[in-house]
Amino acid sequence: MKRSMLLSTLTLGLVGLAGSALAAKEPPTTLQIGVTQRVPDAECKIKSQNGDKLSMHYTGKLWDGKQFDSSVGRGPFDFVIGSGQVIKGWEQGLLDMCIGEKRKLKIPPHLGYGDRGAGGAIPGGATLVFDVELLDILGPRAAALKESHSKDEL
């Protein structure tokens, strides 16, 4: 009796673990932002905000792990955040980043390319995973802040 009860408990526990492992493999329905390389507060002189021109490296993959694009081999990708030049998942997921910070963005379809997809590489309804690195923040606001911090260090 005790043995069958123990067996039942173990079986239920294993089924529960397997179920939660499967659930973790399901694509997210909301934007998920993970910081994979932090920049210490003392070294973060400026954080990205709407209107800044960002210079990024990125590698984009589908949820199944298939890579569809990367800037790493061809050079940084520059764009103005908050101007509609990139997908909504990037517009939201790249705010408040420090230069040198790296993030992993898991982007559901409604914040990516939606039902239409993009070209032949990204099918409609695709969940996207981007590994991104902020290389620099450009533009007048960034230049003024960088100059201000350089004078403070003298």
N, C-alpha and C. Protein backbone atom coordinates (compact mmCIF):
# COMPACT_ATOMS: atom_id res chain seq x y z
N MET A 1 0.82 -1.20 0.00
CA MET A 1 0.00 0.00 0.00
C MET A 1 0.87 1.26 0.00
N LYS A 2 1.83 1.30 0.96
CA LYS A 2 2.71 2.45 1.03
C LYS A 2 3.54 2.58 -0.25
N ARG A 3 3.94 1.42 -0.77
CA ARG A 3 4.76 1.41 -1.98
C ARG A 3 3.98 1.96 -3.17
N SER A 4 2.74 1.57 -3.35
CA SER A 4 1.95 2.07 -4.49
C SER A 4 1.63 3.55 -4.31
N MET A 5 1.46 4.00 -3.06
CA MET A 5 1.21 5.41 -2.81
C MET A 5 2.46 6.23 -3.15
N LEU A 6 3.63 5.71 -2.77
CA LEU A 6 4.89 6.37 -3.08
C LEU A 6 5.09 6.42 -4.59
N LEU A 7 4.79 5.33 -5.27
CA LEU A 7 4.92 5.28 -6.72
C LEU A 7 4.00 6.30 -7.38
N SER A 8 2.78 6.40 -6.90
CA SER A 8 1.81 7.36 -7.44
C SER A 8 2.31 8.78 -7.24
N THR A 9 2.83 9.07 -6.05
CA THR A 9 3.34 10.41 -5.75
C THR A 9 4.53 10.74 -6.66
N LEU A 10 5.44 9.78 -6.83
CA LEU A 10 6.59 10.00 -7.71
C LEU A 10 6.15 10.22 -9.15
N THR A 11 5.20 9.42 -9.60
CA THR A 11 4.69 9.55 -10.97
C THR A 11 4.07 10.92 -11.18
N LEU A 12 3.23 11.36 -10.25
CA LEU A 12 2.60 12.68 -10.36
C LEU A 12 3.66 13.78 -10.36
N GLY A 13 4.67 13.62 -9.51
CA GLY A 13 5.74 14.61 -9.46
C GLY A 13 6.49 14.70 -10.77
N LEU A 14 6.80 13.56 -11.36
CA LEU A 14 7.52 13.53 -12.64
C LEU A 14 6.67 14.11 -13.76
N VAL A 15 5.40 13.78 -13.77
CA VAL A 15 4.49 14.35 -14.78
C VAL A 15 4.42 15.86 -14.62
N GLY A 16 4.37 16.34 -13.39
CA GLY A 16 4.35 17.78 -13.13
C GLY A 16 5.61 18.46 -13.63
N LEU A 17 6.76 17.84 -13.36
CA LEU A 17 8.03 18.40 -13.83
C LEU A 17 8.09 18.42 -15.36
N ALA A 18 7.66 17.35 -15.97
CA ALA A 18 7.66 17.28 -17.44
C ALA A 18 6.73 18.35 -18.00
N GLY A 19 5.59 18.53 -17.39
CA GLY A 19 4.64 19.54 -17.85
C GLY A 19 5.20 20.95 -17.73
N SER A 20 5.89 21.24 -16.62
CA SER A 20 6.45 22.58 -16.48
C SER A 20 7.63 22.78 -17.42
N ALA A 21 8.38 21.72 -17.72
CA ALA A 21 9.48 21.84 -18.69
C ALA A 21 8.92 22.13 -20.08
N LEU A 22 7.82 21.47 -20.43
CA LEU A 22 7.20 21.74 -21.72
C LEU A 22 6.65 23.15 -21.77
N ALA A 23 6.04 23.60 -20.68
CA ALA A 23 5.48 24.95 -20.64
C ALA A 23 6.58 25.99 -20.84
N ALA A 24 7.78 25.73 -20.31
CA ALA A 24 8.88 26.67 -20.46
C ALA A 24 9.33 26.77 -21.91
N LYS A 25 9.06 25.76 -22.71
CA LYS A 25 9.44 25.75 -24.12
C LYS A 25 8.41 26.43 -25.01
N GLU A 26 7.26 26.76 -24.45
CA GLU A 26 6.23 27.44 -25.23
C GLU A 26 6.67 28.88 -25.50
N PRO A 27 6.39 29.41 -26.68
CA PRO A 27 6.75 30.80 -26.97
C PRO A 27 5.99 31.77 -26.06
N PRO A 28 6.63 32.87 -25.68
CA PRO A 28 5.97 33.85 -24.82
C PRO A 28 4.87 34.60 -25.57
N THR A 29 3.90 35.10 -24.82
CA THR A 29 2.83 35.91 -25.41
C THR A 29 3.06 37.39 -25.12
N THR A 30 4.05 37.69 -24.30
CA THR A 30 4.43 39.08 -24.02
C THR A 30 5.93 39.20 -24.23
N LEU A 31 6.39 40.42 -24.39
CA LEU A 31 7.82 40.67 -24.57
C LEU A 31 8.59 40.23 -23.32
N GLN A 32 9.65 39.47 -23.53
CA GLN A 32 10.53 39.08 -22.43
C GLN A 32 11.91 39.66 -22.69
N ILE A 33 12.43 40.36 -21.68
CA ILE A 33 13.73 41.02 -21.79
C ILE A 33 14.65 40.43 -20.74
N GLY A 34 15.74 39.85 -21.19
CA GLY A 34 16.74 39.31 -20.26
C GLY A 34 18.06 40.01 -20.47
N VAL A 35 18.66 40.49 -19.39
CA VAL A 35 19.97 41.13 -19.49
C VAL A 35 21.02 40.04 -19.38
N THR A 36 21.84 39.90 -20.40
CA THR A 36 22.86 38.85 -20.41
C THR A 36 24.25 39.38 -20.09
N GLN A 37 24.43 40.69 -20.20
CA GLN A 37 25.68 41.33 -19.78
C GLN A 37 25.34 42.71 -19.24
N ARG A 38 25.55 42.89 -17.96
CA ARG A 38 25.26 44.17 -17.30
C ARG A 38 26.47 45.10 -17.40
N VAL A 39 26.17 46.39 -17.29
CA VAL A 39 27.20 47.40 -17.19
C VAL A 39 27.05 48.00 -15.79
N PRO A 40 28.12 48.03 -15.00
CA PRO A 40 28.01 48.59 -13.65
C PRO A 40 27.48 50.03 -13.69
N ASP A 41 26.67 50.38 -12.69
CA ASP A 41 26.06 51.71 -12.64
C ASP A 41 27.10 52.83 -12.79
N ALA A 42 28.25 52.65 -12.17
CA ALA A 42 29.28 53.68 -12.22
C ALA A 42 29.82 53.90 -13.64
N GLU A 43 29.70 52.88 -14.49
CA GLU A 43 30.19 52.98 -15.86
C GLU A 43 29.11 53.35 -16.87
N CYS A 44 27.87 53.35 -16.43
CA CYS A 44 26.75 53.66 -17.33
C CYS A 44 26.46 55.15 -17.28
N LYS A 45 27.03 55.86 -18.21
CA LYS A 45 26.90 57.32 -18.23
C LYS A 45 25.62 57.80 -18.91
N ILE A 46 25.08 56.95 -19.77
CA ILE A 46 23.89 57.33 -20.54
C ILE A 46 23.09 56.07 -20.85
N LYS A 47 21.77 56.18 -20.77
CA LYS A 47 20.89 55.06 -21.12
C LYS A 47 20.05 55.46 -22.33
N SER A 48 19.76 54.46 -23.16
CA SER A 48 18.98 54.71 -24.37
C SER A 48 17.57 55.17 -24.05
N GLN A 49 17.09 56.10 -24.85
CA GLN A 49 15.71 56.55 -24.75
C GLN A 49 15.19 56.93 -26.13
N ASN A 50 13.87 57.06 -26.23
CA ASN A 50 13.26 57.40 -27.52
C ASN A 50 13.91 58.66 -28.09
N GLY A 51 14.19 58.61 -29.38
CA GLY A 51 14.82 59.73 -30.08
C GLY A 51 16.32 59.56 -30.24
N ASP A 52 16.93 58.64 -29.49
CA ASP A 52 18.36 58.39 -29.63
C ASP A 52 18.65 57.55 -30.86
N LYS A 53 19.78 57.81 -31.46
CA LYS A 53 20.25 56.93 -32.54
C LYS A 53 21.13 55.87 -31.88
N LEU A 54 20.73 54.61 -32.04
CA LEU A 54 21.45 53.50 -31.43
C LEU A 54 22.28 52.77 -32.48
N SER A 55 23.44 52.32 -32.06
CA SER A 55 24.29 51.48 -32.90
C SER A 55 24.35 50.12 -32.21
N MET A 56 23.84 49.10 -32.91
CA MET A 56 23.64 47.78 -32.31
C MET A 56 24.31 46.68 -33.11
N HIS A 57 24.65 45.62 -32.40
CA HIS A 57 24.89 44.33 -33.03
C HIS A 57 23.74 43.44 -32.60
N TYR A 58 23.31 42.56 -33.48
CA TYR A 58 22.21 41.66 -33.15
C TYR A 58 22.34 40.36 -33.93
N THR A 59 21.75 39.33 -33.36
CA THR A 59 21.55 38.07 -34.05
C THR A 59 20.10 37.69 -33.83
N GLY A 60 19.36 37.49 -34.92
CA GLY A 60 17.95 37.16 -34.84
C GLY A 60 17.70 35.70 -35.18
N LYS A 61 16.89 35.05 -34.34
CA LYS A 61 16.53 33.65 -34.57
C LYS A 61 15.03 33.47 -34.43
N LEU A 62 14.53 32.45 -35.09
CA LEU A 62 13.15 32.03 -34.88
C LEU A 62 13.09 31.26 -33.56
N TRP A 63 11.89 31.05 -33.04
CA TRP A 63 11.72 30.35 -31.78
C TRP A 63 12.37 28.96 -31.78
N ASP A 64 12.41 28.32 -32.96
CA ASP A 64 13.01 26.98 -33.05
C ASP A 64 14.54 27.01 -33.09
N GLY A 65 15.13 28.20 -33.05
CA GLY A 65 16.58 28.34 -33.02
C GLY A 65 17.22 28.63 -34.35
N LYS A 66 16.45 28.62 -35.44
CA LYS A 66 17.00 28.87 -36.77
C LYS A 66 17.33 30.36 -36.93
N GLN A 67 18.60 30.66 -37.20
CA GLN A 67 19.03 32.04 -37.38
C GLN A 67 18.54 32.57 -38.72
N PHE A 68 17.99 33.79 -38.70
CA PHE A 68 17.55 34.41 -39.95
C PHE A 68 18.33 35.66 -40.31
N ASP A 69 19.07 36.23 -39.36
CA ASP A 69 19.84 37.44 -39.68
C ASP A 69 20.83 37.73 -38.55
N SER A 70 21.90 38.44 -38.89
CA SER A 70 22.87 38.89 -37.90
C SER A 70 23.67 40.05 -38.48
N SER A 71 23.94 41.03 -37.63
CA SER A 71 24.77 42.17 -38.04
C SER A 71 26.24 41.91 -37.74
N VAL A 72 26.52 40.89 -36.98
CA VAL A 72 27.87 40.67 -36.47
C VAL A 72 28.90 40.56 -37.59
N GLY A 73 28.61 39.87 -38.67
CA GLY A 73 29.57 39.71 -39.76
C GLY A 73 29.63 40.88 -40.72
N ARG A 74 28.65 41.77 -40.69
CA ARG A 74 28.64 42.84 -41.69
C ARG A 74 28.74 44.25 -41.11
N GLY A 75 28.67 44.40 -39.83
CA GLY A 75 28.81 45.72 -39.21
C GLY A 75 27.55 46.13 -38.48
N PRO A 76 27.68 47.11 -37.58
CA PRO A 76 26.57 47.54 -36.73
C PRO A 76 25.36 48.04 -37.51
N PHE A 77 24.22 47.92 -36.88
CA PHE A 77 22.95 48.42 -37.41
C PHE A 77 22.60 49.67 -36.61
N ASP A 78 22.42 50.79 -37.30
CA ASP A 78 22.08 52.06 -36.66
C ASP A 78 20.65 52.44 -36.99
N PHE A 79 19.92 52.95 -36.01
CA PHE A 79 18.55 53.40 -36.21
C PHE A 79 18.16 54.32 -35.06
N VAL A 80 17.07 55.07 -35.26
CA VAL A 80 16.56 55.95 -34.21
C VAL A 80 15.42 55.23 -33.50
N ILE A 81 15.60 55.01 -32.22
CA ILE A 81 14.58 54.31 -31.44
C ILE A 81 13.39 55.23 -31.18
N GLY A 82 12.21 54.67 -31.28
CA GLY A 82 10.99 55.44 -31.07
C GLY A 82 10.46 56.10 -32.32
N SER A 83 11.10 55.81 -33.46
CA SER A 83 10.69 56.46 -34.71
C SER A 83 9.96 55.51 -35.65
N GLY A 84 9.75 54.28 -35.24
CA GLY A 84 9.05 53.31 -36.08
C GLY A 84 9.93 52.65 -37.12
N GLN A 85 11.24 52.78 -37.01
CA GLN A 85 12.15 52.17 -37.98
C GLN A 85 12.34 50.67 -37.74
N VAL A 86 12.02 50.20 -36.54
CA VAL A 86 12.22 48.80 -36.19
C VAL A 86 10.92 48.23 -35.60
N ILE A 87 10.88 46.93 -35.40
CA ILE A 87 9.68 46.29 -34.86
C ILE A 87 9.41 46.76 -33.42
N LYS A 88 8.16 46.65 -33.01
CA LYS A 88 7.76 47.14 -31.69
C LYS A 88 8.51 46.45 -30.55
N GLY A 89 8.84 45.17 -30.72
CA GLY A 89 9.61 44.46 -29.69
C GLY A 89 10.96 45.10 -29.43
N TRP A 90 11.57 45.63 -30.48
CA TRP A 90 12.84 46.36 -30.32
C TRP A 90 12.58 47.72 -29.70
N GLU A 91 11.53 48.41 -30.17
CA GLU A 91 11.21 49.75 -29.65
C GLU A 91 11.05 49.71 -28.13
N GLN A 92 10.45 48.64 -27.63
CA GLN A 92 10.23 48.51 -26.19
C GLN A 92 11.44 47.87 -25.49
N GLY A 93 12.02 46.87 -26.10
CA GLY A 93 13.05 46.07 -25.45
C GLY A 93 14.43 46.70 -25.39
N LEU A 94 14.65 47.78 -26.12
CA LEU A 94 15.98 48.40 -26.15
C LEU A 94 16.04 49.70 -25.36
N LEU A 95 14.96 50.06 -24.70
CA LEU A 95 14.96 51.29 -23.89
C LEU A 95 15.75 51.06 -22.60
N ASP A 96 16.35 52.13 -22.11
CA ASP A 96 17.09 52.13 -20.84
C ASP A 96 18.28 51.18 -20.85
N MET A 97 18.90 51.02 -22.00
CA MET A 97 20.12 50.21 -22.10
C MET A 97 21.35 51.09 -21.94
N CYS A 98 22.39 50.53 -21.36
CA CYS A 98 23.69 51.18 -21.25
C CYS A 98 24.58 50.72 -22.41
N ILE A 99 25.49 51.57 -22.82
CA ILE A 99 26.46 51.19 -23.84
C ILE A 99 27.26 50.01 -23.30
N GLY A 100 27.36 48.95 -24.09
CA GLY A 100 28.07 47.74 -23.69
C GLY A 100 27.15 46.67 -23.11
N GLU A 101 25.91 47.03 -22.83
CA GLU A 101 24.96 46.06 -22.28
C GLU A 101 24.49 45.11 -23.38
N LYS A 102 24.23 43.86 -22.97
CA LYS A 102 23.69 42.86 -23.89
C LYS A 102 22.38 42.34 -23.31
N ARG A 103 21.42 42.09 -24.21
CA ARG A 103 20.12 41.57 -23.81
C ARG A 103 19.68 40.46 -24.75
N LYS A 104 18.79 39.63 -24.24
CA LYS A 104 18.09 38.64 -25.06
C LYS A 104 16.63 39.07 -25.05
N LEU A 105 16.07 39.32 -26.23
CA LEU A 105 14.68 39.71 -26.38
C LEU A 105 13.90 38.54 -26.97
N LYS A 106 12.84 38.15 -26.30
CA LYS A 106 11.92 37.14 -26.83
C LYS A 106 10.65 37.89 -27.19
N ILE A 107 10.37 37.93 -28.50
CA ILE A 107 9.35 38.83 -29.03
C ILE A 107 8.20 38.03 -29.65
N PRO A 108 6.99 38.18 -29.08
CA PRO A 108 5.84 37.48 -29.66
C PRO A 108 5.45 38.11 -31.00
N PRO A 109 4.70 37.39 -31.82
CA PRO A 109 4.38 37.87 -33.17
C PRO A 109 3.77 39.27 -33.23
N HIS A 110 2.88 39.62 -32.30
CA HIS A 110 2.23 40.93 -32.39
C HIS A 110 3.18 42.09 -32.14
N LEU A 111 4.38 41.82 -31.61
CA LEU A 111 5.40 42.87 -31.43
C LEU A 111 6.55 42.69 -32.43
N GLY A 112 6.39 41.69 -33.32
CA GLY A 112 7.39 41.43 -34.35
C GLY A 112 6.80 41.74 -35.71
N TYR A 113 6.70 40.72 -36.55
CA TYR A 113 6.20 40.91 -37.91
C TYR A 113 4.77 40.42 -38.09
N GLY A 114 4.12 40.03 -36.99
CA GLY A 114 2.71 39.65 -37.04
C GLY A 114 2.43 38.48 -37.96
N ASP A 115 1.23 38.48 -38.52
CA ASP A 115 0.80 37.40 -39.40
C ASP A 115 1.44 37.46 -40.78
N ARG A 116 2.00 38.61 -41.15
CA ARG A 116 2.56 38.77 -42.50
C ARG A 116 3.96 38.20 -42.63
N GLY A 117 4.73 38.13 -41.52
CA GLY A 117 6.11 37.67 -41.61
C GLY A 117 6.98 38.72 -42.29
N ALA A 118 8.17 38.32 -42.68
CA ALA A 118 9.09 39.24 -43.36
C ALA A 118 9.93 38.47 -44.35
N GLY A 119 9.79 38.83 -45.61
CA GLY A 119 10.55 38.15 -46.65
C GLY A 119 10.27 36.66 -46.62
N GLY A 120 11.20 35.89 -47.04
CA GLY A 120 11.04 34.44 -46.99
C GLY A 120 11.61 33.83 -45.71
N ALA A 121 12.36 34.62 -44.95
CA ALA A 121 13.08 34.09 -43.79
C ALA A 121 12.23 34.01 -42.52
N ILE A 122 11.24 34.91 -42.38
CA ILE A 122 10.44 34.96 -41.15
C ILE A 122 8.99 34.70 -41.52
N PRO A 123 8.47 33.53 -41.13
CA PRO A 123 7.08 33.21 -41.47
C PRO A 123 6.09 34.03 -40.63
N GLY A 124 4.88 34.14 -41.12
CA GLY A 124 3.83 34.81 -40.37
C GLY A 124 3.60 34.11 -39.03
N GLY A 125 3.31 34.89 -38.00
CA GLY A 125 3.04 34.33 -36.69
C GLY A 125 4.28 33.87 -35.93
N ALA A 126 5.46 34.29 -36.38
CA ALA A 126 6.71 33.81 -35.77
C ALA A 126 7.04 34.56 -34.49
N THR A 127 7.47 33.80 -33.47
CA THR A 127 8.07 34.37 -32.27
C THR A 127 9.55 34.51 -32.55
N LEU A 128 10.11 35.67 -32.22
CA LEU A 128 11.50 35.98 -32.55
C LEU A 128 12.35 36.05 -31.28
N VAL A 129 13.60 35.66 -31.41
CA VAL A 129 14.56 35.76 -30.31
C VAL A 129 15.78 36.52 -30.83
N PHE A 130 16.07 37.63 -30.18
CA PHE A 130 17.22 38.45 -30.59
C PHE A 130 18.23 38.54 -29.45
N ASP A 131 19.49 38.30 -29.78
CA ASP A 131 20.60 38.63 -28.89
C ASP A 131 21.12 39.96 -29.39
N VAL A 132 21.08 40.98 -28.53
CA VAL A 132 21.45 42.33 -28.95
C VAL A 132 22.54 42.89 -28.04
N GLU A 133 23.35 43.77 -28.62
CA GLU A 133 24.38 44.48 -27.86
C GLU A 133 24.36 45.93 -28.28
N LEU A 134 24.25 46.82 -27.30
CA LEU A 134 24.28 48.25 -27.58
C LEU A 134 25.74 48.70 -27.65
N LEU A 135 26.18 49.06 -28.85
CA LEU A 135 27.57 49.46 -29.07
C LEU A 135 27.79 50.94 -28.77
N ASP A 136 26.79 51.77 -29.12
CA ASP A 136 26.93 53.21 -28.89
C ASP A 136 25.57 53.89 -28.98
N ILE A 137 25.49 55.04 -28.35
CA ILE A 137 24.32 55.92 -28.47
C ILE A 137 24.84 57.19 -29.13
N LEU A 138 24.22 57.55 -30.25
CA LEU A 138 24.69 58.67 -31.06
C LEU A 138 23.66 59.80 -31.02
N GLY A 139 24.03 60.95 -31.53
CA GLY A 139 23.09 62.06 -31.62
C GLY A 139 23.42 63.14 -30.61
N PRO A 140 22.71 64.28 -30.72
CA PRO A 140 23.04 65.46 -29.91
C PRO A 140 22.89 65.23 -28.39
N ARG A 141 21.84 64.58 -27.96
CA ARG A 141 21.64 64.36 -26.52
C ARG A 141 22.78 63.51 -25.96
N ALA A 142 23.11 62.45 -26.68
CA ALA A 142 24.17 61.55 -26.23
C ALA A 142 25.52 62.28 -26.22
N ALA A 143 25.80 63.05 -27.25
CA ALA A 143 27.07 63.77 -27.32
C ALA A 143 27.19 64.74 -26.15
N ALA A 144 26.12 65.45 -25.84
CA ALA A 144 26.15 66.40 -24.72
C ALA A 144 26.37 65.68 -23.40
N LEU A 145 25.70 64.55 -23.20
CA LEU A 145 25.87 63.80 -21.94
C LEU A 145 27.27 63.21 -21.83
N LYS A 146 27.78 62.70 -22.93
CA LYS A 146 29.13 62.13 -22.91
C LYS A 146 30.15 63.22 -22.60
N GLU A 147 29.98 64.41 -23.21
CA GLU A 147 30.90 65.53 -22.97
C GLU A 147 30.82 65.98 -21.52
N SER A 148 29.63 66.05 -20.99
CA SER A 148 29.42 66.45 -19.60
C SER A 148 30.12 65.48 -18.65
N HIS A 149 29.99 64.18 -18.91
CA HIS A 149 30.63 63.18 -18.06
C HIS A 149 32.15 63.21 -18.20
N SER A 150 32.67 63.53 -19.39
CA SER A 150 34.13 63.61 -19.57
C SER A 150 34.69 64.77 -18.74
N LYS A 151 33.97 65.90 -18.73
CA LYS A 151 34.43 67.06 -17.95
C LYS A 151 34.40 66.75 -16.46
N ASP A 152 33.38 65.99 -16.03
CA ASP A 152 33.27 65.62 -14.62
C ASP A 152 34.43 64.75 -14.18
N GLU A 153 34.97 63.97 -15.09
CA GLU A 153 36.05 63.04 -14.75
C GLU A 153 37.40 63.74 -14.68
N LEU A 154 37.50 64.96 -15.24
CA LEU A 154 38.79 65.70 -15.23
C LEU A 154 39.06 66.29 -13.92
